[in-house]
Amino acid sequence: MARATPTPTLPATGPNAEYIACWHDVLTPKWVRFRHLLSSNGQVHSDLGYSKLDIRRGYRVLDVACGFGETTLELADRVGPSGRVLGLDCTQRFVEIAERERRAAGMSNVAYRLADIDTAELAPCSFEVAVSRFGLMYCASPVRALRAIRRALEPGGQLGLIVWRSLEHNECWQIAEEIALRYLPPPGEPAQMCSPGPFSMADPETDRRILEAAGYVDIELTQFDAPLCVGRTLAEAVEYQTSVGPGGYVIREAGEPAEHAVAAIRDALRQVLRGHVREDGSVWLGSSTWFVSGRTPRG
């Protein structure tokens, strides 16, 4: 059997350099470790949002920030053998995993590319639909990224984005951050972060202006609320909540003080999460997203 060609490393340069470096250096190992939670929770919202898109057999679909590629494969099922789906991601490990699983699934109408959407150089008018689940919020300029996507869409092409609503509407992330901040200071200016951050597109009016500035029409925002599993056990939920998301960010950036505070943070979090344990032992918290949709002008 031929060996798979290694995925080249994407240089962390350009306007999204900080974002790309943070994912490669900090977040990727944690996302791989907690993939079973992050991917299944993401699918809850993509199942809700992407059901609103008119995706037909034979369509060409662009999946931006495709991650492990689960959504890319699902989209490939929807478009069928006569369609095709291209998944883009700036994280080498994700693309390698996605490509391995594509081969295992025998999906020939899917391709992946290691790329930053700002510099991907996609062929003009080459897709009927473009989607992104929890990806555009991290771009230094979502307007610039969305313009690149718009150029790749046909006239009248559909755009569908899934973005988090504000932290106060997402107890799946808020609880851990609030508890961490009882014991540690908020991250300071030198903090390494995937800027602008997961809640940068939480405001609906800002989202409308972003899409308008990028040249989209027929813009709509739909709110989706859903409980998410944050741990198959209470112990896993505590570990997950203190490793990823806003709570994990506070702990990571606190440095040495966090080493002394993390046990108390986990104890306090454990006490709160006990009230969210279901009969099977899993822990569930509320979440809320916007499904942001629009079209490219028809002519």
Protein backbone atom coordinates (compact mmCIF):
# COMPACT_ATOMS: atom_id res chain seq x y z
CA MET A 1 0.00 0.00 0.00
CA ALA A 2 1.35 3.43 -0.93
CA ARG A 3 2.18 5.78 1.87
CA ALA A 4 0.08 8.92 2.21
CA THR A 5 1.88 12.09 1.20
CA PRO A 6 2.70 14.13 4.35
CA THR A 7 0.66 17.28 4.72
CA PRO A 8 2.93 20.32 4.38
CA THR A 9 3.10 22.69 7.33
CA LEU A 10 1.23 25.97 6.86
CA PRO A 11 3.50 28.89 7.82
CA ALA A 12 2.02 31.13 10.52
CA THR A 13 2.32 34.32 8.48
CA GLY A 14 -0.06 37.01 7.30
CA PRO A 15 -3.01 38.59 9.10
CA ASN A 16 -4.12 35.31 10.71
CA ALA A 17 -0.63 34.37 11.94
CA GLU A 18 -1.51 34.62 15.62
CA TYR A 19 -4.60 32.46 15.13
CA ILE A 20 -2.70 29.80 13.17
CA ALA A 21 0.18 29.68 15.65
CA CYS A 22 -2.18 29.36 18.62
CA TRP A 23 -3.98 26.42 17.06
CA HIS A 24 -0.76 24.62 16.16
CA ASP A 25 1.09 25.33 19.40
CA VAL A 26 -1.65 25.24 22.03
CA LEU A 27 -5.07 24.01 21.02
CA THR A 28 -4.61 21.12 18.60
CA PRO A 29 -3.53 18.50 21.20
CA LYS A 30 -6.49 19.43 23.39
CA TRP A 31 -8.93 19.30 20.47
CA VAL A 32 -7.65 15.84 19.53
CA ARG A 33 -7.93 14.67 23.14
CA PHE A 34 -11.51 15.93 23.52
CA ARG A 35 -12.61 15.36 19.95
CA HIS A 36 -15.48 13.12 21.02
CA LEU A 37 -17.03 16.06 22.88
CA LEU A 38 -16.09 18.94 20.61
CA SER A 39 -17.10 17.26 17.38
CA SER A 40 -20.36 15.81 18.65
CA ASN A 41 -21.32 19.15 20.17
CA GLY A 42 -20.45 20.95 16.95
CA GLN A 43 -22.60 18.51 15.03
CA VAL A 44 -25.60 19.38 17.20
CA HIS A 45 -25.47 22.91 15.84
CA SER A 46 -24.46 22.08 12.26
CA ASP A 47 -27.35 19.61 12.02
CA LEU A 48 -29.68 22.44 13.04
CA GLY A 49 -28.11 25.14 10.89
CA TYR A 50 -27.21 23.30 7.70
CA SER A 51 -30.74 21.88 7.45
CA LYS A 52 -31.74 25.40 6.39
CA LEU A 53 -29.47 25.31 3.33
CA ASP A 54 -30.65 24.13 -0.07
CA ILE A 55 -27.88 21.62 -0.80
CA ARG A 56 -28.70 19.46 -3.82
CA ARG A 57 -27.19 16.47 -5.56
CA GLY A 58 -24.35 17.54 -7.79
CA TYR A 59 -23.58 20.73 -5.88
CA ARG A 60 -20.05 21.89 -5.10
CA VAL A 61 -19.58 22.83 -1.44
CA LEU A 62 -16.75 24.64 0.37
CA ASP A 63 -16.27 23.77 4.05
CA VAL A 64 -14.08 26.43 5.69
CA ALA A 65 -12.32 25.54 8.96
CA CYS A 66 -13.39 21.93 8.42
CA GLY A 67 -11.46 20.58 11.41
CA PHE A 68 -11.50 16.78 11.53
CA GLY A 69 -13.72 16.70 8.44
CA GLU A 70 -16.82 15.01 9.86
CA THR A 71 -19.08 17.73 8.48
CA THR A 72 -17.23 17.62 5.16
CA LEU A 73 -18.06 13.94 4.78
CA GLU A 74 -21.70 14.54 5.69
CA LEU A 75 -21.94 17.28 3.08
CA ALA A 76 -20.39 14.91 0.55
CA ASP A 77 -23.20 12.45 1.25
CA ARG A 78 -25.75 15.20 0.57
CA VAL A 79 -24.27 16.22 -2.79
CA GLY A 80 -23.72 12.63 -3.91
CA PRO A 81 -21.14 11.20 -6.32
CA SER A 82 -21.83 13.88 -8.93
CA GLY A 83 -21.03 16.67 -6.45
CA ARG A 84 -17.85 17.51 -4.61
CA VAL A 85 -16.79 19.06 -1.32
CA LEU A 86 -13.54 20.84 -0.49
CA GLY A 87 -12.56 21.13 3.16
CA LEU A 88 -10.10 23.85 4.18
CA ASP A 89 -8.31 24.13 7.50
CA CYS A 90 -5.17 25.89 8.70
CA THR A 91 -4.25 23.13 11.19
CA GLN A 92 -1.97 20.42 9.84
CA ARG A 93 -3.00 17.70 12.32
CA PHE A 94 -6.69 18.19 11.57
CA VAL A 95 -6.16 17.92 7.82
CA GLU A 96 -4.07 14.77 8.24
CA ILE A 97 -6.79 13.13 10.35
CA ALA A 98 -9.52 14.24 7.96
CA GLU A 99 -7.68 12.85 4.95
CA ARG A 100 -7.03 9.54 6.69
CA GLU A 101 -10.72 9.19 7.55
CA ARG A 102 -11.75 10.20 4.03
CA ARG A 103 -9.67 7.35 2.62
CA ALA A 104 -11.11 4.93 5.18
CA ALA A 105 -14.65 5.98 4.20
CA GLY A 106 -13.86 5.57 0.49
CA MET A 107 -15.19 9.06 -0.31
CA SER A 108 -13.89 10.12 -3.72
CA ASN A 109 -15.91 13.34 -3.96
CA VAL A 110 -14.07 14.98 -1.04
CA ALA A 111 -10.72 16.77 -0.97
CA TYR A 112 -8.90 18.59 1.82
CA ARG A 113 -6.45 21.43 1.65
CA LEU A 114 -4.20 22.91 4.32
CA ALA A 115 -4.87 26.61 3.83
CA ASP A 116 -5.73 29.94 5.40
CA ILE A 117 -8.97 31.14 3.80
CA ASP A 118 -7.44 34.59 3.26
CA THR A 119 -4.74 33.17 0.99
CA ALA A 120 -6.28 29.96 -0.34
CA GLU A 121 -6.57 31.28 -3.93
CA LEU A 122 -9.80 29.46 -4.75
CA ALA A 123 -11.05 29.47 -8.32
CA PRO A 124 -13.76 32.09 -8.90
CA CYS A 125 -17.38 30.94 -9.10
CA SER A 126 -16.45 27.33 -8.25
CA PHE A 127 -19.00 26.52 -5.49
CA GLU A 128 -22.76 26.74 -5.02
CA VAL A 129 -22.54 26.62 -1.21
CA ALA A 130 -19.97 27.61 1.42
CA VAL A 131 -20.20 26.78 5.12
CA SER A 132 -18.13 27.28 8.25
CA ARG A 133 -18.83 25.88 11.72
CA PHE A 134 -17.14 27.83 14.51
CA GLY A 135 -14.37 29.03 12.19
CA LEU A 136 -14.84 32.60 10.97
CA MET A 137 -14.88 34.07 14.51
CA TYR A 138 -11.11 33.56 14.75
CA CYS A 139 -10.10 35.39 11.58
CA ALA A 140 -8.37 38.72 12.07
CA SER A 141 -10.74 40.19 9.49
CA PRO A 142 -13.94 38.21 8.92
CA VAL A 143 -14.85 40.68 6.17
CA ARG A 144 -11.69 39.82 4.26
CA ALA A 145 -12.27 36.09 4.77
CA LEU A 146 -15.90 36.35 3.65
CA ARG A 147 -14.91 38.29 0.56
CA ALA A 148 -12.55 35.47 -0.38
CA ILE A 149 -15.41 33.01 0.09
CA ARG A 150 -17.77 35.23 -1.92
CA ARG A 151 -15.38 35.25 -4.87
CA ALA A 152 -15.36 31.44 -4.82
CA LEU A 153 -19.16 31.25 -4.85
CA GLU A 154 -21.31 31.38 -7.96
CA PRO A 155 -23.77 34.28 -8.35
CA GLY A 156 -26.65 33.48 -6.02
CA GLY A 157 -24.45 31.08 -4.04
CA GLN A 158 -25.37 30.26 -0.46
CA LEU A 159 -23.36 31.01 2.68
CA GLY A 160 -24.01 29.37 6.06
CA LEU A 161 -22.01 30.20 9.21
CA ILE A 162 -22.36 28.83 12.73
CA VAL A 163 -21.05 31.17 15.44
CA TRP A 164 -21.43 31.32 19.20
CA ARG A 165 -23.81 33.77 20.77
CA SER A 166 -22.42 35.71 23.75
CA LEU A 167 -20.84 33.96 26.72
CA GLU A 168 -23.81 34.82 28.95
CA HIS A 169 -25.99 32.66 26.68
CA ASN A 170 -23.58 29.71 26.78
CA GLU A 171 -23.30 28.13 30.20
CA CYS A 172 -21.32 25.35 28.53
CA TRP A 173 -18.42 27.85 28.54
CA GLN A 174 -19.46 30.54 31.02
CA ILE A 175 -19.54 28.49 34.22
CA ALA A 176 -15.93 27.36 34.00
CA GLU A 177 -14.66 30.83 33.20
CA GLU A 178 -16.57 32.44 36.08
CA ILE A 179 -15.17 29.92 38.54
CA ALA A 180 -11.61 30.23 37.21
CA LEU A 181 -11.79 34.02 37.57
CA ARG A 182 -12.65 33.68 41.26
CA TYR A 183 -9.13 32.36 41.82
CA LEU A 184 -7.06 33.83 38.98
CA PRO A 185 -6.73 37.19 37.21
CA PRO A 186 -8.04 37.63 33.66
CA PRO A 187 -5.43 37.07 30.95
CA GLY A 188 -3.28 40.11 30.29
CA GLU A 189 -2.04 41.78 27.12
CA PRO A 190 0.80 39.29 26.33
CA ALA A 191 -1.59 36.31 26.40
CA GLN A 192 -1.42 33.87 23.51
CA MET A 193 -4.91 33.61 22.08
CA CYS A 194 -6.71 32.65 18.92
CA SER A 195 -7.79 36.20 18.31
CA PRO A 196 -10.29 37.74 17.92
CA GLY A 197 -11.82 34.80 19.82
CA PRO A 198 -14.82 32.46 19.83
CA PHE A 199 -17.38 35.13 20.76
CA SER A 200 -16.27 37.83 18.32
CA MET A 201 -19.38 37.31 16.15
CA ALA A 202 -21.87 37.06 19.00
CA ASP A 203 -23.65 40.33 18.18
CA PRO A 204 -26.28 39.91 15.44
CA GLU A 205 -26.08 43.49 14.16
CA THR A 206 -22.31 43.23 13.88
CA ASP A 207 -22.74 40.02 11.90
CA ARG A 208 -25.16 41.71 9.51
CA ARG A 209 -22.72 44.56 8.92
CA ILE A 210 -19.86 42.12 8.37
CA LEU A 211 -21.78 40.19 5.72
CA GLU A 212 -22.99 43.39 4.07
CA ALA A 213 -19.44 44.76 3.94
CA ALA A 214 -18.29 41.48 2.39
CA GLY A 215 -20.90 41.82 -0.36
CA TYR A 216 -23.66 39.39 0.67
CA VAL A 217 -27.42 39.88 0.37
CA ASP A 218 -30.52 38.17 1.81
CA ILE A 219 -28.82 38.03 5.22
CA GLU A 220 -30.66 36.15 7.98
CA LEU A 221 -29.76 35.12 11.52
CA THR A 222 -31.45 32.19 13.24
CA GLN A 223 -30.91 31.42 16.92
CA PHE A 224 -30.42 27.79 17.93
CA ASP A 225 -30.34 26.68 21.58
CA ALA A 226 -29.36 23.15 22.58
CA PRO A 227 -27.94 21.25 25.56
CA LEU A 228 -24.44 19.89 24.99
CA CYS A 229 -22.60 17.04 26.65
CA VAL A 230 -19.49 18.41 28.37
CA GLY A 231 -18.38 15.09 29.80
CA ARG A 232 -19.36 11.42 29.79
CA THR A 233 -18.56 11.48 33.51
CA LEU A 234 -18.28 14.23 36.10
CA ALA A 235 -14.51 13.75 36.23
CA GLU A 236 -14.19 14.12 32.45
CA ALA A 237 -16.41 17.22 32.48
CA VAL A 238 -14.17 18.92 35.05
CA GLU A 239 -11.04 18.04 33.07
CA TYR A 240 -12.61 19.20 29.80
CA GLN A 241 -13.88 22.49 31.19
CA THR A 242 -10.51 23.36 32.73
CA SER A 243 -8.55 22.41 29.60
CA VAL A 244 -10.41 24.03 26.69
CA GLY A 245 -12.67 27.04 26.23
CA PRO A 246 -12.63 30.27 28.26
CA GLY A 247 -11.99 28.50 31.57
CA GLY A 248 -9.01 26.65 30.18
CA TYR A 249 -7.74 29.90 28.67
CA VAL A 250 -7.77 31.69 32.04
CA ILE A 251 -5.91 28.79 33.69
CA ARG A 252 -3.37 28.40 30.89
CA GLU A 253 -2.43 32.07 30.77
CA ALA A 254 -2.18 32.49 34.55
CA GLY A 255 1.09 30.55 34.61
CA GLU A 256 2.54 29.64 38.00
CA PRO A 257 -0.39 30.97 40.08
CA ALA A 258 -2.66 28.51 38.27
CA GLU A 259 -0.57 25.59 39.54
CA HIS A 260 -1.59 26.52 43.09
CA ALA A 261 -5.22 27.41 42.24
CA VAL A 262 -6.24 24.67 39.82
CA ALA A 263 -7.22 22.15 42.51
CA ALA A 264 -9.57 24.66 44.13
CA ILE A 265 -10.98 25.62 40.72
CA ARG A 266 -11.69 22.00 39.89
CA ASP A 267 -13.32 21.38 43.28
CA ALA A 268 -15.60 24.42 42.86
CA LEU A 269 -16.45 23.44 39.30
CA ARG A 270 -17.18 19.86 40.35
CA GLN A 271 -19.69 21.11 42.92
CA VAL A 272 -21.55 23.17 40.32
CA LEU A 273 -21.52 20.48 37.65
CA ARG A 274 -23.02 17.90 40.02
CA GLY A 275 -26.32 19.66 39.45
CA HIS A 276 -26.11 18.95 35.70
CA VAL A 277 -25.41 15.19 35.82
CA ARG A 278 -27.94 12.97 34.03
CA GLU A 279 -28.97 9.44 34.99
CA ASP A 280 -26.26 7.87 32.83
CA GLY A 281 -23.59 9.96 34.59
CA SER A 282 -22.98 12.37 31.71
CA VAL A 283 -22.91 16.14 32.26
CA TRP A 284 -24.93 18.53 30.08
CA LEU A 285 -24.95 22.33 29.86
CA GLY A 286 -26.84 24.81 27.70
CA SER A 287 -25.49 26.37 24.52
CA SER A 288 -26.66 28.97 22.02
CA THR A 289 -25.51 29.86 18.50
CA TRP A 290 -26.40 32.02 15.54
CA PHE A 291 -26.83 30.45 12.14
CA VAL A 292 -25.85 33.29 9.84
CA SER A 293 -26.90 32.89 6.21
CA GLY A 294 -26.69 34.98 3.09
CA ARG A 295 -26.25 34.84 -0.68
CA THR A 296 -23.97 36.34 -3.23
CA PRO A 297 -25.70 38.79 -5.58
CA ARG A 298 -27.13 37.14 -8.67
CA GLY A 299 -25.82 39.63 -11.14
